[in-house]
Each structure stands twice: as C-alpha cells, then as structure tokens.
Amino acid sequence: METAADFAVRTGADADQLSELERYRAYLEDWNLKMNLVGPATLPVFWSRHAWDSAQVLRLAPDALTWADLGTGAGLPGIVLAILGKQRPGFHVHLVESMAKRCRFLTEVVQGLDLPATIHQARAEDLSLTVDIVTARACAPLSRLLGYARPYLNRGAQALFLKGQDVATELQEAKKTWNFQADVLPSLSDPRGQIVRVRSLGRERQI
C-alpha cells in the first residue's frame, strides 16, 4: 500500500504539502459519513487512488497556473492540485460543481486549508472562465465532457481528462459527434487508467 512517503518521492511534495493532504483526507473521511463523496473502500488507499492519481496531471502541464476542474465532486483532482500548487505565485484552481452539498464540503476544505481555489456552484458549460488547463475525473463520458469543456477550450485551454480502461470506446463514441484532436497517455497511478489530452475542439457534428 502506497504511503505519504511514497507520494513524496513520486511528486517531490514537502512536509507542509503532505500535512495538508493528510488534513484533506481527514475531511473526506469525516464528510463521507454524511454523504457519498468517494467510495469508502478507496479511503485506505488514499495516497495512490486519490492523491497520486490526481497529482500526476501536473507533470503534463508543469507551467500551467490556472486550472478548472469540472464536476469536481469531492475535489479530485482540483483540491490536490491546489495543495501542491499553493506555494506557486499565481496558481489558482476553479472547482466547478453543480451540487450544493458538495460545494459546502469544498468550501470547508478550501477555507480550512487556505487554498488558492474558487468554488463555482454552476454547470461547467455555463461559466466564462479563461484557464490554462481544464481537467475532470469521473465526471462524464467523453462525448458529454467535451460539451462541458468547449467554452474553456475555445478560450485557449487544453484538456487533461483522467479516464479508465474504456477510453477507446469513449473516444470512438465522441468522434461521432465532435471534431477534435486528442492523444491518449498512460496513467502513472493505475495501469488500467488513461489520460486523454485534448488539444483542440472543433464544431459539434450534426447527426
């Protein structure tokens, strides 16, 4: 089982960042008793399943300062990114979530850890945000996710979407309705996972 020390080796996280990630895990454990944020079975493997899975996207966009995490839910990957980017001048994460109760959880975490993040209780496609990277994890199938991300991509963002083993099927379905350029990268946290990097998105196809 991966530990905080293993995570530090992988990411270079310092003691303060590890402490804040531990506090975030405590928030998850507490709130998960009241509402379904993450699968209970994933909490004992927090460092690999949630922290490292989220943190790996930073390697793909090391210079990016502004991020939007669509359908962030429990704050994954957005809260992890905000913790790791907190010490960088200008770093900011927009946490986009439509459900009010999840936004209450996110607010408590962001305020409690004093994170460089803004919570938006809204539908992702209704916001007008300009960011470097738009990301999402376990949010929606790619065909729908591209619709949510289109306003951000049209403003110059690239997308890094954390996906599972069915990514080939999702890409095939998405190509029926969208013109886009993307490549698929292996996940570093799970051999079954993939990361879809969308570089450009054209018009929605008429079918």
N, C-alpha and C. Protein backbone atom coordinates (compact mmCIF):
# COMPACT_ATOMS: atom_id res chain seq x y z
N MET A 1 0.85 -1.20 0.00
CA MET A 1 0.00 0.00 0.00
C MET A 1 0.88 1.25 0.00
N GLU A 2 0.56 2.17 -0.89
CA GLU A 2 1.36 3.38 -1.00
C GLU A 2 1.15 4.29 0.21
N THR A 3 2.24 4.92 0.64
CA THR A 3 2.21 5.79 1.81
C THR A 3 2.47 7.23 1.42
N ALA A 4 2.39 8.13 2.41
CA ALA A 4 2.72 9.53 2.19
C ALA A 4 4.17 9.68 1.74
N ALA A 5 5.04 8.86 2.31
CA ALA A 5 6.45 8.92 1.92
C ALA A 5 6.64 8.52 0.46
N ASP A 6 5.90 7.52 0.01
CA ASP A 6 5.96 7.12 -1.40
C ASP A 6 5.48 8.26 -2.29
N PHE A 7 4.40 8.91 -1.88
CA PHE A 7 3.86 10.04 -2.63
C PHE A 7 4.90 11.15 -2.72
N ALA A 8 5.59 11.42 -1.63
CA ALA A 8 6.60 12.48 -1.61
C ALA A 8 7.73 12.17 -2.60
N VAL A 9 8.12 10.91 -2.66
CA VAL A 9 9.17 10.51 -3.60
C VAL A 9 8.70 10.73 -5.04
N ARG A 10 7.47 10.37 -5.32
CA ARG A 10 6.94 10.50 -6.69
C ARG A 10 6.79 11.96 -7.11
N THR A 11 6.39 12.81 -6.19
CA THR A 11 5.98 14.18 -6.56
C THR A 11 6.93 15.26 -6.08
N GLY A 12 7.77 14.96 -5.11
CA GLY A 12 8.60 16.00 -4.51
C GLY A 12 7.85 16.84 -3.49
N ALA A 13 6.68 16.38 -3.05
CA ALA A 13 5.89 17.12 -2.07
C ALA A 13 6.66 17.29 -0.77
N ASP A 14 6.57 18.49 -0.17
CA ASP A 14 7.27 18.75 1.08
C ASP A 14 6.39 18.43 2.28
N ALA A 15 6.92 18.65 3.47
CA ALA A 15 6.22 18.28 4.69
C ALA A 15 4.91 19.04 4.85
N ASP A 16 4.90 20.33 4.48
CA ASP A 16 3.67 21.12 4.60
C ASP A 16 2.59 20.59 3.65
N GLN A 17 2.98 20.24 2.44
CA GLN A 17 2.02 19.72 1.48
C GLN A 17 1.47 18.37 1.92
N LEU A 18 2.34 17.52 2.45
CA LEU A 18 1.88 16.22 2.95
C LEU A 18 0.92 16.40 4.13
N SER A 19 1.20 17.37 4.99
CA SER A 19 0.32 17.65 6.12
C SER A 19 -1.05 18.10 5.65
N GLU A 20 -1.09 18.97 4.64
CA GLU A 20 -2.38 19.44 4.13
C GLU A 20 -3.14 18.33 3.42
N LEU A 21 -2.43 17.46 2.73
CA LEU A 21 -3.10 16.32 2.10
C LEU A 21 -3.66 15.37 3.16
N GLU A 22 -2.96 15.20 4.27
CA GLU A 22 -3.49 14.40 5.37
C GLU A 22 -4.75 15.03 5.94
N ARG A 23 -4.74 16.35 6.08
CA ARG A 23 -5.93 17.05 6.58
C ARG A 23 -7.08 16.90 5.59
N TYR A 24 -6.77 16.97 4.31
CA TYR A 24 -7.81 16.76 3.29
C TYR A 24 -8.39 15.35 3.40
N ARG A 25 -7.54 14.37 3.60
CA ARG A 25 -8.05 13.01 3.77
C ARG A 25 -8.96 12.92 5.00
N ALA A 26 -8.61 13.63 6.06
CA ALA A 26 -9.46 13.64 7.26
C ALA A 26 -10.82 14.27 6.96
N TYR A 27 -10.82 15.35 6.19
CA TYR A 27 -12.09 15.94 5.76
C TYR A 27 -12.93 14.92 4.99
N LEU A 28 -12.30 14.22 4.06
CA LEU A 28 -13.02 13.22 3.27
C LEU A 28 -13.62 12.14 4.16
N GLU A 29 -12.84 11.66 5.10
CA GLU A 29 -13.33 10.60 5.99
C GLU A 29 -14.50 11.07 6.83
N ASP A 30 -14.41 12.30 7.32
CA ASP A 30 -15.48 12.86 8.16
C ASP A 30 -16.76 13.06 7.35
N TRP A 31 -16.64 13.75 6.24
CA TRP A 31 -17.82 14.06 5.43
C TRP A 31 -18.39 12.83 4.74
N ASN A 32 -17.56 11.84 4.49
CA ASN A 32 -18.06 10.64 3.82
C ASN A 32 -19.05 9.86 4.69
N LEU A 33 -19.03 10.15 5.99
CA LEU A 33 -20.01 9.54 6.88
C LEU A 33 -21.39 10.16 6.69
N LYS A 34 -21.42 11.36 6.14
CA LYS A 34 -22.69 12.09 5.97
C LYS A 34 -23.19 12.08 4.54
N MET A 35 -22.30 11.95 3.57
CA MET A 35 -22.69 11.97 2.17
C MET A 35 -21.67 11.19 1.36
N ASN A 36 -22.08 10.73 0.20
CA ASN A 36 -21.21 9.89 -0.63
C ASN A 36 -20.29 10.76 -1.48
N LEU A 37 -19.06 10.94 -1.01
CA LEU A 37 -18.07 11.72 -1.76
C LEU A 37 -17.15 10.82 -2.57
N VAL A 38 -16.60 9.81 -1.91
CA VAL A 38 -15.76 8.80 -2.58
C VAL A 38 -16.15 7.44 -2.04
N GLY A 39 -15.81 6.40 -2.77
CA GLY A 39 -16.09 5.06 -2.30
C GLY A 39 -15.35 4.78 -1.00
N PRO A 40 -16.03 4.31 0.04
CA PRO A 40 -15.36 4.06 1.32
C PRO A 40 -14.13 3.17 1.19
N ALA A 41 -14.15 2.23 0.27
CA ALA A 41 -13.03 1.31 0.11
C ALA A 41 -11.79 2.00 -0.45
N THR A 42 -11.97 3.21 -1.01
CA THR A 42 -10.81 3.91 -1.58
C THR A 42 -10.06 4.75 -0.56
N LEU A 43 -10.66 5.01 0.60
CA LEU A 43 -10.00 5.86 1.59
C LEU A 43 -8.73 5.24 2.18
N PRO A 44 -8.68 3.94 2.43
CA PRO A 44 -7.43 3.36 2.93
C PRO A 44 -6.28 3.43 1.91
N VAL A 45 -6.62 3.57 0.65
CA VAL A 45 -5.58 3.68 -0.39
C VAL A 45 -5.57 5.11 -0.97
N PHE A 46 -5.80 6.06 -0.09
CA PHE A 46 -5.89 7.48 -0.48
C PHE A 46 -4.68 7.94 -1.28
N TRP A 47 -3.46 7.56 -0.86
CA TRP A 47 -2.26 8.12 -1.47
C TRP A 47 -2.08 7.70 -2.91
N SER A 48 -2.46 6.49 -3.25
CA SER A 48 -2.36 6.06 -4.64
C SER A 48 -3.63 6.35 -5.41
N ARG A 49 -4.77 6.02 -4.83
CA ARG A 49 -6.04 6.09 -5.56
C ARG A 49 -6.50 7.52 -5.81
N HIS A 50 -6.24 8.41 -4.86
CA HIS A 50 -6.72 9.78 -5.00
C HIS A 50 -5.60 10.81 -5.15
N ALA A 51 -4.63 10.79 -4.22
CA ALA A 51 -3.60 11.84 -4.24
C ALA A 51 -2.69 11.72 -5.47
N TRP A 52 -2.09 10.55 -5.68
CA TRP A 52 -1.17 10.39 -6.80
C TRP A 52 -1.92 10.39 -8.13
N ASP A 53 -3.08 9.79 -8.18
CA ASP A 53 -3.88 9.79 -9.40
C ASP A 53 -4.17 11.22 -9.84
N SER A 54 -4.47 12.09 -8.90
CA SER A 54 -4.74 13.50 -9.20
C SER A 54 -3.48 14.27 -9.53
N ALA A 55 -2.44 14.07 -8.73
CA ALA A 55 -1.22 14.87 -8.86
C ALA A 55 -0.49 14.64 -10.17
N GLN A 56 -0.66 13.49 -10.77
CA GLN A 56 0.11 13.17 -11.97
C GLN A 56 -0.14 14.12 -13.13
N VAL A 57 -1.31 14.77 -13.18
CA VAL A 57 -1.57 15.66 -14.31
C VAL A 57 -0.67 16.89 -14.28
N LEU A 58 -0.13 17.23 -13.11
CA LEU A 58 0.78 18.37 -13.03
C LEU A 58 2.03 18.13 -13.88
N ARG A 59 2.42 16.88 -14.02
CA ARG A 59 3.60 16.56 -14.82
C ARG A 59 3.36 16.85 -16.31
N LEU A 60 2.10 16.80 -16.71
CA LEU A 60 1.78 17.00 -18.11
C LEU A 60 1.60 18.47 -18.46
N ALA A 61 1.50 19.32 -17.46
CA ALA A 61 1.36 20.76 -17.69
C ALA A 61 2.11 21.51 -16.58
N PRO A 62 3.43 21.35 -16.53
CA PRO A 62 4.19 21.90 -15.39
C PRO A 62 4.18 23.41 -15.30
N ASP A 63 3.93 24.09 -16.41
CA ASP A 63 3.94 25.56 -16.39
C ASP A 63 2.55 26.16 -16.20
N ALA A 64 1.52 25.35 -16.22
CA ALA A 64 0.14 25.85 -16.11
C ALA A 64 -0.10 26.42 -14.71
N LEU A 65 -0.72 27.58 -14.67
CA LEU A 65 -1.03 28.22 -13.39
C LEU A 65 -2.51 28.23 -13.08
N THR A 66 -3.35 28.25 -14.08
CA THR A 66 -4.80 28.33 -13.85
C THR A 66 -5.47 27.07 -14.37
N TRP A 67 -6.28 26.48 -13.51
CA TRP A 67 -6.93 25.21 -13.81
C TRP A 67 -8.42 25.31 -13.52
N ALA A 68 -9.22 24.57 -14.28
CA ALA A 68 -10.64 24.41 -13.98
C ALA A 68 -10.92 22.91 -13.88
N ASP A 69 -11.45 22.48 -12.75
CA ASP A 69 -11.78 21.08 -12.50
C ASP A 69 -13.29 20.94 -12.61
N LEU A 70 -13.75 20.31 -13.69
CA LEU A 70 -15.18 20.21 -13.98
C LEU A 70 -15.81 19.03 -13.25
N GLY A 71 -16.97 19.26 -12.65
CA GLY A 71 -17.62 18.20 -11.90
C GLY A 71 -16.72 17.66 -10.82
N THR A 72 -16.11 18.57 -10.08
CA THR A 72 -15.04 18.19 -9.15
C THR A 72 -15.50 17.27 -8.03
N GLY A 73 -16.77 17.30 -7.67
CA GLY A 73 -17.27 16.37 -6.66
C GLY A 73 -16.60 16.55 -5.32
N ALA A 74 -15.77 15.58 -4.96
CA ALA A 74 -15.04 15.62 -3.69
C ALA A 74 -13.78 16.48 -3.77
N GLY A 75 -13.55 17.09 -4.93
CA GLY A 75 -12.37 17.93 -5.09
C GLY A 75 -11.20 17.21 -5.72
N LEU A 76 -11.52 16.21 -6.54
CA LEU A 76 -10.49 15.42 -7.20
C LEU A 76 -10.59 15.58 -8.71
N PRO A 77 -9.53 16.06 -9.34
CA PRO A 77 -8.20 16.30 -8.79
C PRO A 77 -7.97 17.70 -8.22
N GLY A 78 -8.97 18.59 -8.27
CA GLY A 78 -8.73 20.01 -8.02
C GLY A 78 -8.12 20.37 -6.67
N ILE A 79 -8.63 19.76 -5.58
CA ILE A 79 -8.09 20.09 -4.25
C ILE A 79 -6.63 19.66 -4.15
N VAL A 80 -6.32 18.48 -4.66
CA VAL A 80 -4.93 18.01 -4.64
C VAL A 80 -4.03 18.98 -5.41
N LEU A 81 -4.50 19.43 -6.57
CA LEU A 81 -3.72 20.37 -7.37
C LEU A 81 -3.52 21.69 -6.62
N ALA A 82 -4.56 22.15 -5.94
CA ALA A 82 -4.47 23.42 -5.20
C ALA A 82 -3.47 23.31 -4.05
N ILE A 83 -3.45 22.16 -3.38
CA ILE A 83 -2.50 21.96 -2.30
C ILE A 83 -1.07 21.97 -2.84
N LEU A 84 -0.84 21.26 -3.92
CA LEU A 84 0.51 21.16 -4.46
C LEU A 84 0.97 22.45 -5.15
N GLY A 85 0.02 23.25 -5.62
CA GLY A 85 0.38 24.49 -6.30
C GLY A 85 0.32 25.73 -5.43
N LYS A 86 -0.04 25.55 -4.18
CA LYS A 86 -0.29 26.66 -3.27
C LYS A 86 0.90 27.61 -3.14
N GLN A 87 2.09 27.09 -3.19
CA GLN A 87 3.29 27.91 -2.99
C GLN A 87 3.74 28.63 -4.26
N ARG A 88 3.09 28.35 -5.39
CA ARG A 88 3.49 28.96 -6.65
C ARG A 88 2.73 30.27 -6.87
N PRO A 89 3.40 31.38 -7.08
CA PRO A 89 2.70 32.65 -7.33
C PRO A 89 1.79 32.54 -8.55
N GLY A 90 0.55 32.98 -8.38
CA GLY A 90 -0.39 32.99 -9.49
C GLY A 90 -1.13 31.69 -9.71
N PHE A 91 -0.84 30.66 -8.93
CA PHE A 91 -1.52 29.37 -9.12
C PHE A 91 -2.94 29.45 -8.57
N HIS A 92 -3.91 28.96 -9.35
CA HIS A 92 -5.31 29.01 -8.91
C HIS A 92 -6.11 27.90 -9.59
N VAL A 93 -7.00 27.30 -8.82
CA VAL A 93 -7.87 26.24 -9.31
C VAL A 93 -9.32 26.65 -9.16
N HIS A 94 -10.09 26.52 -10.22
CA HIS A 94 -11.53 26.74 -10.19
C HIS A 94 -12.21 25.38 -10.03
N LEU A 95 -12.93 25.22 -8.93
CA LEU A 95 -13.63 23.98 -8.63
C LEU A 95 -15.09 24.13 -9.05
N VAL A 96 -15.48 23.42 -10.08
CA VAL A 96 -16.81 23.58 -10.67
C VAL A 96 -17.67 22.39 -10.28
N GLU A 97 -18.75 22.67 -9.57
CA GLU A 97 -19.62 21.61 -9.06
C GLU A 97 -21.05 22.15 -8.96
N SER A 98 -22.00 21.41 -9.49
CA SER A 98 -23.38 21.89 -9.51
C SER A 98 -24.17 21.54 -8.25
N MET A 99 -23.72 20.53 -7.48
CA MET A 99 -24.48 20.11 -6.30
C MET A 99 -24.11 20.92 -5.07
N ALA A 100 -25.12 21.51 -4.44
CA ALA A 100 -24.89 22.41 -3.31
C ALA A 100 -24.20 21.73 -2.14
N LYS A 101 -24.58 20.50 -1.81
CA LYS A 101 -24.00 19.85 -0.64
C LYS A 101 -22.51 19.55 -0.86
N ARG A 102 -22.14 19.23 -2.07
CA ARG A 102 -20.72 19.03 -2.35
C ARG A 102 -19.97 20.36 -2.29
N CYS A 103 -20.61 21.42 -2.70
CA CYS A 103 -19.98 22.74 -2.61
C CYS A 103 -19.76 23.14 -1.16
N ARG A 104 -20.64 22.73 -0.26
CA ARG A 104 -20.44 23.00 1.16
C ARG A 104 -19.19 22.29 1.67
N PHE A 105 -19.02 21.05 1.25
CA PHE A 105 -17.80 20.32 1.61
C PHE A 105 -16.56 21.02 1.06
N LEU A 106 -16.60 21.38 -0.21
CA LEU A 106 -15.45 22.04 -0.84
C LEU A 106 -15.12 23.36 -0.16
N THR A 107 -16.15 24.09 0.22
CA THR A 107 -15.93 25.37 0.91
C THR A 107 -15.20 25.16 2.23
N GLU A 108 -15.61 24.16 2.98
CA GLU A 108 -14.95 23.90 4.26
C GLU A 108 -13.48 23.53 4.05
N VAL A 109 -13.20 22.74 3.03
CA VAL A 109 -11.81 22.33 2.78
C VAL A 109 -10.98 23.52 2.32
N VAL A 110 -11.50 24.27 1.35
CA VAL A 110 -10.75 25.41 0.81
C VAL A 110 -10.47 26.45 1.88
N GLN A 111 -11.47 26.74 2.70
CA GLN A 111 -11.27 27.72 3.77
C GLN A 111 -10.37 27.16 4.86
N GLY A 112 -10.57 25.91 5.23
CA GLY A 112 -9.79 25.31 6.30
C GLY A 112 -8.31 25.19 5.97
N LEU A 113 -8.00 24.95 4.69
CA LEU A 113 -6.61 24.79 4.27
C LEU A 113 -6.06 26.05 3.61
N ASP A 114 -6.90 27.08 3.51
CA ASP A 114 -6.49 28.35 2.89
C ASP A 114 -5.90 28.10 1.50
N LEU A 115 -6.68 27.47 0.63
CA LEU A 115 -6.19 27.06 -0.68
C LEU A 115 -6.45 28.12 -1.75
N PRO A 116 -5.62 28.18 -2.78
CA PRO A 116 -5.82 29.09 -3.90
C PRO A 116 -6.86 28.51 -4.85
N ALA A 117 -8.11 28.54 -4.43
CA ALA A 117 -9.18 27.92 -5.21
C ALA A 117 -10.47 28.71 -5.06
N THR A 118 -11.27 28.69 -6.12
CA THR A 118 -12.59 29.31 -6.11
C THR A 118 -13.62 28.23 -6.43
N ILE A 119 -14.69 28.22 -5.66
CA ILE A 119 -15.75 27.22 -5.86
C ILE A 119 -16.89 27.87 -6.64
N HIS A 120 -17.30 27.19 -7.70
CA HIS A 120 -18.39 27.67 -8.54
C HIS A 120 -19.52 26.65 -8.49
N GLN A 121 -20.63 27.02 -7.85
CA GLN A 121 -21.79 26.14 -7.88
C GLN A 121 -22.55 26.46 -9.18
N ALA A 122 -22.23 25.71 -10.21
CA ALA A 122 -22.76 26.00 -11.53
C ALA A 122 -22.53 24.81 -12.44
N ARG A 123 -23.21 24.83 -13.56
CA ARG A 123 -22.91 23.87 -14.62
C ARG A 123 -21.66 24.35 -15.35
N ALA A 124 -20.79 23.43 -15.66
CA ALA A 124 -19.50 23.79 -16.23
C ALA A 124 -19.63 24.61 -17.51
N GLU A 125 -20.58 24.24 -18.36
CA GLU A 125 -20.72 24.90 -19.65
C GLU A 125 -21.33 26.29 -19.55
N ASP A 126 -21.81 26.66 -18.36
CA ASP A 126 -22.43 27.98 -18.19
C ASP A 126 -21.44 29.04 -17.72
N LEU A 127 -20.23 28.64 -17.41
CA LEU A 127 -19.25 29.59 -16.89
C LEU A 127 -18.39 30.17 -18.01
N SER A 128 -17.86 31.37 -17.76
CA SER A 128 -16.97 32.03 -18.71
C SER A 128 -15.61 32.22 -18.04
N LEU A 129 -14.84 31.16 -18.00
CA LEU A 129 -13.54 31.18 -17.34
C LEU A 129 -12.43 30.98 -18.37
N THR A 130 -11.36 31.72 -18.22
CA THR A 130 -10.19 31.53 -19.06
C THR A 130 -9.10 30.89 -18.21
N VAL A 131 -8.71 29.69 -18.58
CA VAL A 131 -7.71 28.94 -17.81
C VAL A 131 -6.70 28.30 -18.76
N ASP A 132 -5.60 27.85 -18.16
CA ASP A 132 -4.60 27.14 -18.96
C ASP A 132 -5.01 25.70 -19.24
N ILE A 133 -5.54 25.06 -18.21
CA ILE A 133 -5.90 23.64 -18.31
C ILE A 133 -7.30 23.42 -17.74
N VAL A 134 -8.09 22.62 -18.46
CA VAL A 134 -9.37 22.16 -17.94
C VAL A 134 -9.22 20.66 -17.71
N THR A 135 -9.66 20.19 -16.55
CA THR A 135 -9.49 18.79 -16.21
C THR A 135 -10.78 18.24 -15.63
N ALA A 136 -10.85 16.93 -15.53
CA ALA A 136 -12.01 16.27 -14.94
C ALA A 136 -11.63 14.83 -14.65
N ARG A 137 -12.29 14.29 -13.64
CA ARG A 137 -12.04 12.90 -13.22
C ARG A 137 -13.38 12.29 -12.84
N ALA A 138 -13.75 11.21 -13.50
CA ALA A 138 -15.01 10.51 -13.20
C ALA A 138 -16.20 11.45 -13.27
N CYS A 139 -16.19 12.31 -14.28
CA CYS A 139 -17.25 13.31 -14.41
C CYS A 139 -18.35 12.86 -15.36
N ALA A 140 -17.97 12.45 -16.57
CA ALA A 140 -18.96 12.10 -17.59
C ALA A 140 -18.24 11.40 -18.73
N PRO A 141 -18.97 10.67 -19.57
CA PRO A 141 -18.36 10.12 -20.78
C PRO A 141 -17.77 11.25 -21.64
N LEU A 142 -16.76 10.92 -22.42
CA LEU A 142 -16.04 11.95 -23.17
C LEU A 142 -16.94 12.75 -24.10
N SER A 143 -17.93 12.12 -24.71
CA SER A 143 -18.81 12.84 -25.63
C SER A 143 -19.54 13.98 -24.93
N ARG A 144 -19.97 13.75 -23.67
CA ARG A 144 -20.61 14.82 -22.91
C ARG A 144 -19.59 15.78 -22.31
N LEU A 145 -18.46 15.23 -21.88
CA LEU A 145 -17.43 16.04 -21.26
C LEU A 145 -16.89 17.10 -22.21
N LEU A 146 -16.78 16.76 -23.49
CA LEU A 146 -16.33 17.75 -24.47
C LEU A 146 -17.29 18.92 -24.57
N GLY A 147 -18.58 18.64 -24.42
CA GLY A 147 -19.55 19.73 -24.41
C GLY A 147 -19.38 20.63 -23.21
N TYR A 148 -19.13 20.03 -22.06
CA TYR A 148 -18.90 20.82 -20.85
C TYR A 148 -17.64 21.68 -21.00
N ALA A 149 -16.62 21.10 -21.62
CA ALA A 149 -15.30 21.76 -21.70
C ALA A 149 -15.18 22.73 -22.87
N ARG A 150 -16.12 22.71 -23.79
CA ARG A 150 -15.97 23.51 -25.01
C ARG A 150 -15.72 24.99 -24.73
N PRO A 151 -16.43 25.65 -23.79
CA PRO A 151 -16.14 27.09 -23.57
C PRO A 151 -14.70 27.35 -23.13
N TYR A 152 -14.12 26.43 -22.38
CA TYR A 152 -12.75 26.61 -21.89
C TYR A 152 -11.74 26.36 -23.02
N LEU A 153 -12.00 25.33 -23.80
CA LEU A 153 -11.12 25.02 -24.92
C LEU A 153 -11.17 26.12 -25.98
N ASN A 154 -12.34 26.69 -26.18
CA ASN A 154 -12.48 27.78 -27.15
C ASN A 154 -11.73 29.03 -26.71
N ARG A 155 -11.45 29.13 -25.41
CA ARG A 155 -10.69 30.28 -24.90
C ARG A 155 -9.19 29.95 -24.76
N GLY A 156 -8.77 28.85 -25.33
CA GLY A 156 -7.35 28.56 -25.39
C GLY A 156 -6.83 27.51 -24.44
N ALA A 157 -7.69 26.93 -23.62
CA ALA A 157 -7.25 25.89 -22.69
C ALA A 157 -6.95 24.59 -23.42
N GLN A 158 -6.11 23.77 -22.80
CA GLN A 158 -6.00 22.38 -23.18
C GLN A 158 -6.71 21.56 -22.11
N ALA A 159 -7.08 20.33 -22.47
CA ALA A 159 -7.79 19.47 -21.54
C ALA A 159 -6.95 18.26 -21.17
N LEU A 160 -7.01 17.90 -19.90
CA LEU A 160 -6.41 16.67 -19.39
C LEU A 160 -7.49 15.94 -18.60
N PHE A 161 -8.05 14.92 -19.20
CA PHE A 161 -9.15 14.19 -18.59
C PHE A 161 -8.68 12.82 -18.11
N LEU A 162 -8.84 12.56 -16.82
CA LEU A 162 -8.48 11.27 -16.23
C LEU A 162 -9.58 10.26 -16.53
N LYS A 163 -9.20 9.18 -17.22
CA LYS A 163 -10.18 8.21 -17.67
C LYS A 163 -9.76 6.80 -17.27
N GLY A 164 -10.71 5.86 -17.41
CA GLY A 164 -10.46 4.48 -17.07
C GLY A 164 -10.12 3.64 -18.29
N GLN A 165 -10.34 2.35 -18.18
CA GLN A 165 -9.90 1.42 -19.20
C GLN A 165 -10.79 1.42 -20.45
N ASP A 166 -11.95 2.06 -20.39
CA ASP A 166 -12.85 2.08 -21.54
C ASP A 166 -12.66 3.31 -22.42
N VAL A 167 -11.48 3.92 -22.35
CA VAL A 167 -11.26 5.16 -23.07
C VAL A 167 -11.38 4.99 -24.57
N ALA A 168 -11.00 3.85 -25.12
CA ALA A 168 -11.09 3.64 -26.57
C ALA A 168 -12.53 3.73 -27.03
N THR A 169 -13.43 3.12 -26.27
CA THR A 169 -14.85 3.19 -26.62
C THR A 169 -15.37 4.61 -26.49
N GLU A 170 -14.95 5.33 -25.46
CA GLU A 170 -15.39 6.71 -25.29
C GLU A 170 -14.91 7.59 -26.43
N LEU A 171 -13.66 7.39 -26.86
CA LEU A 171 -13.14 8.17 -27.99
C LEU A 171 -13.92 7.89 -29.26
N GLN A 172 -14.23 6.62 -29.49
CA GLN A 172 -14.98 6.23 -30.68
C GLN A 172 -16.36 6.89 -30.69
N GLU A 173 -17.01 6.88 -29.54
CA GLU A 173 -18.34 7.50 -29.45
C GLU A 173 -18.25 9.01 -29.61
N ALA A 174 -17.23 9.62 -28.99
CA ALA A 174 -17.09 11.07 -29.07
C ALA A 174 -16.85 11.54 -30.50
N LYS A 175 -16.13 10.74 -31.28
CA LYS A 175 -15.83 11.14 -32.65
C LYS A 175 -17.05 11.14 -33.55
N LYS A 176 -18.13 10.49 -33.10
CA LYS A 176 -19.38 10.52 -33.86
C LYS A 176 -20.04 11.89 -33.79
N THR A 177 -19.75 12.65 -32.73
CA THR A 177 -20.44 13.93 -32.54
C THR A 177 -19.52 15.14 -32.47
N TRP A 178 -18.19 14.90 -32.41
CA TRP A 178 -17.28 16.03 -32.26
C TRP A 178 -16.10 15.92 -33.21
N ASN A 179 -15.61 17.07 -33.67
CA ASN A 179 -14.32 17.14 -34.35
C ASN A 179 -13.29 17.61 -33.32
N PHE A 180 -12.31 16.78 -33.02
CA PHE A 180 -11.32 17.17 -32.02
C PHE A 180 -10.00 16.44 -32.27
N GLN A 181 -8.95 17.02 -31.72
CA GLN A 181 -7.62 16.40 -31.76
C GLN A 181 -7.22 16.03 -30.34
N ALA A 182 -6.86 14.78 -30.16
CA ALA A 182 -6.52 14.32 -28.81
C ALA A 182 -5.52 13.18 -28.89
N ASP A 183 -4.77 13.01 -27.85
CA ASP A 183 -3.93 11.83 -27.71
C ASP A 183 -4.17 11.22 -26.34
N VAL A 184 -3.81 9.94 -26.23
CA VAL A 184 -4.08 9.19 -25.01
C VAL A 184 -2.75 8.81 -24.37
N LEU A 185 -2.63 9.13 -23.10
CA LEU A 185 -1.40 8.89 -22.34
C LEU A 185 -1.69 7.89 -21.22
N PRO A 186 -0.74 7.06 -20.89
CA PRO A 186 -0.97 6.08 -19.81
C PRO A 186 -1.01 6.76 -18.45
N SER A 187 -1.88 6.28 -17.59
CA SER A 187 -1.91 6.75 -16.22
C SER A 187 -0.69 6.21 -15.48
N LEU A 188 -0.11 7.02 -14.62
CA LEU A 188 1.01 6.60 -13.80
C LEU A 188 0.57 5.96 -12.49
N SER A 189 -0.71 6.12 -12.16
CA SER A 189 -1.19 5.62 -10.87
C SER A 189 -1.90 4.27 -10.98
N ASP A 190 -2.37 3.93 -12.19
CA ASP A 190 -3.15 2.71 -12.38
C ASP A 190 -2.93 2.21 -13.81
N PRO A 191 -2.42 1.01 -14.00
CA PRO A 191 -2.16 0.53 -15.35
C PRO A 191 -3.42 0.42 -16.20
N ARG A 192 -4.57 0.40 -15.58
CA ARG A 192 -5.84 0.35 -16.33
C ARG A 192 -6.29 1.73 -16.76
N GLY A 193 -5.73 2.78 -16.18
CA GLY A 193 -6.19 4.14 -16.44
C GLY A 193 -5.50 4.78 -17.63
N GLN A 194 -6.13 5.83 -18.14
CA GLN A 194 -5.58 6.59 -19.25
C GLN A 194 -5.87 8.08 -19.00
N ILE A 195 -5.10 8.93 -19.64
CA ILE A 195 -5.35 10.36 -19.60
C ILE A 195 -5.55 10.84 -21.04
N VAL A 196 -6.68 11.46 -21.29
CA VAL A 196 -6.97 11.99 -22.62
C VAL A 196 -6.57 13.46 -22.64
N ARG A 197 -5.63 13.79 -23.51
CA ARG A 197 -5.21 15.18 -23.67
C ARG A 197 -5.84 15.72 -24.95
N VAL A 198 -6.75 16.68 -24.79
CA VAL A 198 -7.43 17.29 -25.93
C VAL A 198 -6.76 18.61 -26.25
N ARG A 199 -6.24 18.70 -27.45
CA ARG A 199 -5.51 19.90 -27.85
C ARG A 199 -6.39 20.91 -28.56
N SER A 200 -7.41 20.44 -29.26
CA SER A 200 -8.31 21.37 -29.96
C SER A 200 -9.65 20.70 -30.14
N LEU A 201 -10.68 21.51 -30.18
CA LEU A 201 -12.05 21.03 -30.33
C LEU A 201 -12.76 21.88 -31.35
N GLY A 202 -13.26 21.23 -32.40
CA GLY A 202 -13.97 21.95 -33.44
C GLY A 202 -15.47 21.93 -33.22
N ARG A 203 -16.18 22.11 -34.27
CA ARG A 203 -17.64 22.17 -34.18
C ARG A 203 -18.23 20.81 -33.86
N GLU A 204 -19.35 20.85 -33.19
CA GLU A 204 -20.10 19.62 -32.94
C GLU A 204 -20.67 19.14 -34.26
N ARG A 205 -20.52 17.83 -34.52
CA ARG A 205 -21.04 17.27 -35.75
C ARG A 205 -22.56 17.23 -35.72
N GLN A 206 -23.16 17.40 -36.88
CA GLN A 206 -24.62 17.30 -37.00
C GLN A 206 -24.96 15.87 -37.39
N ILE A 207 -25.73 15.19 -36.54
CA ILE A 207 -26.11 13.81 -36.84
C ILE A 207 -27.61 13.67 -36.79
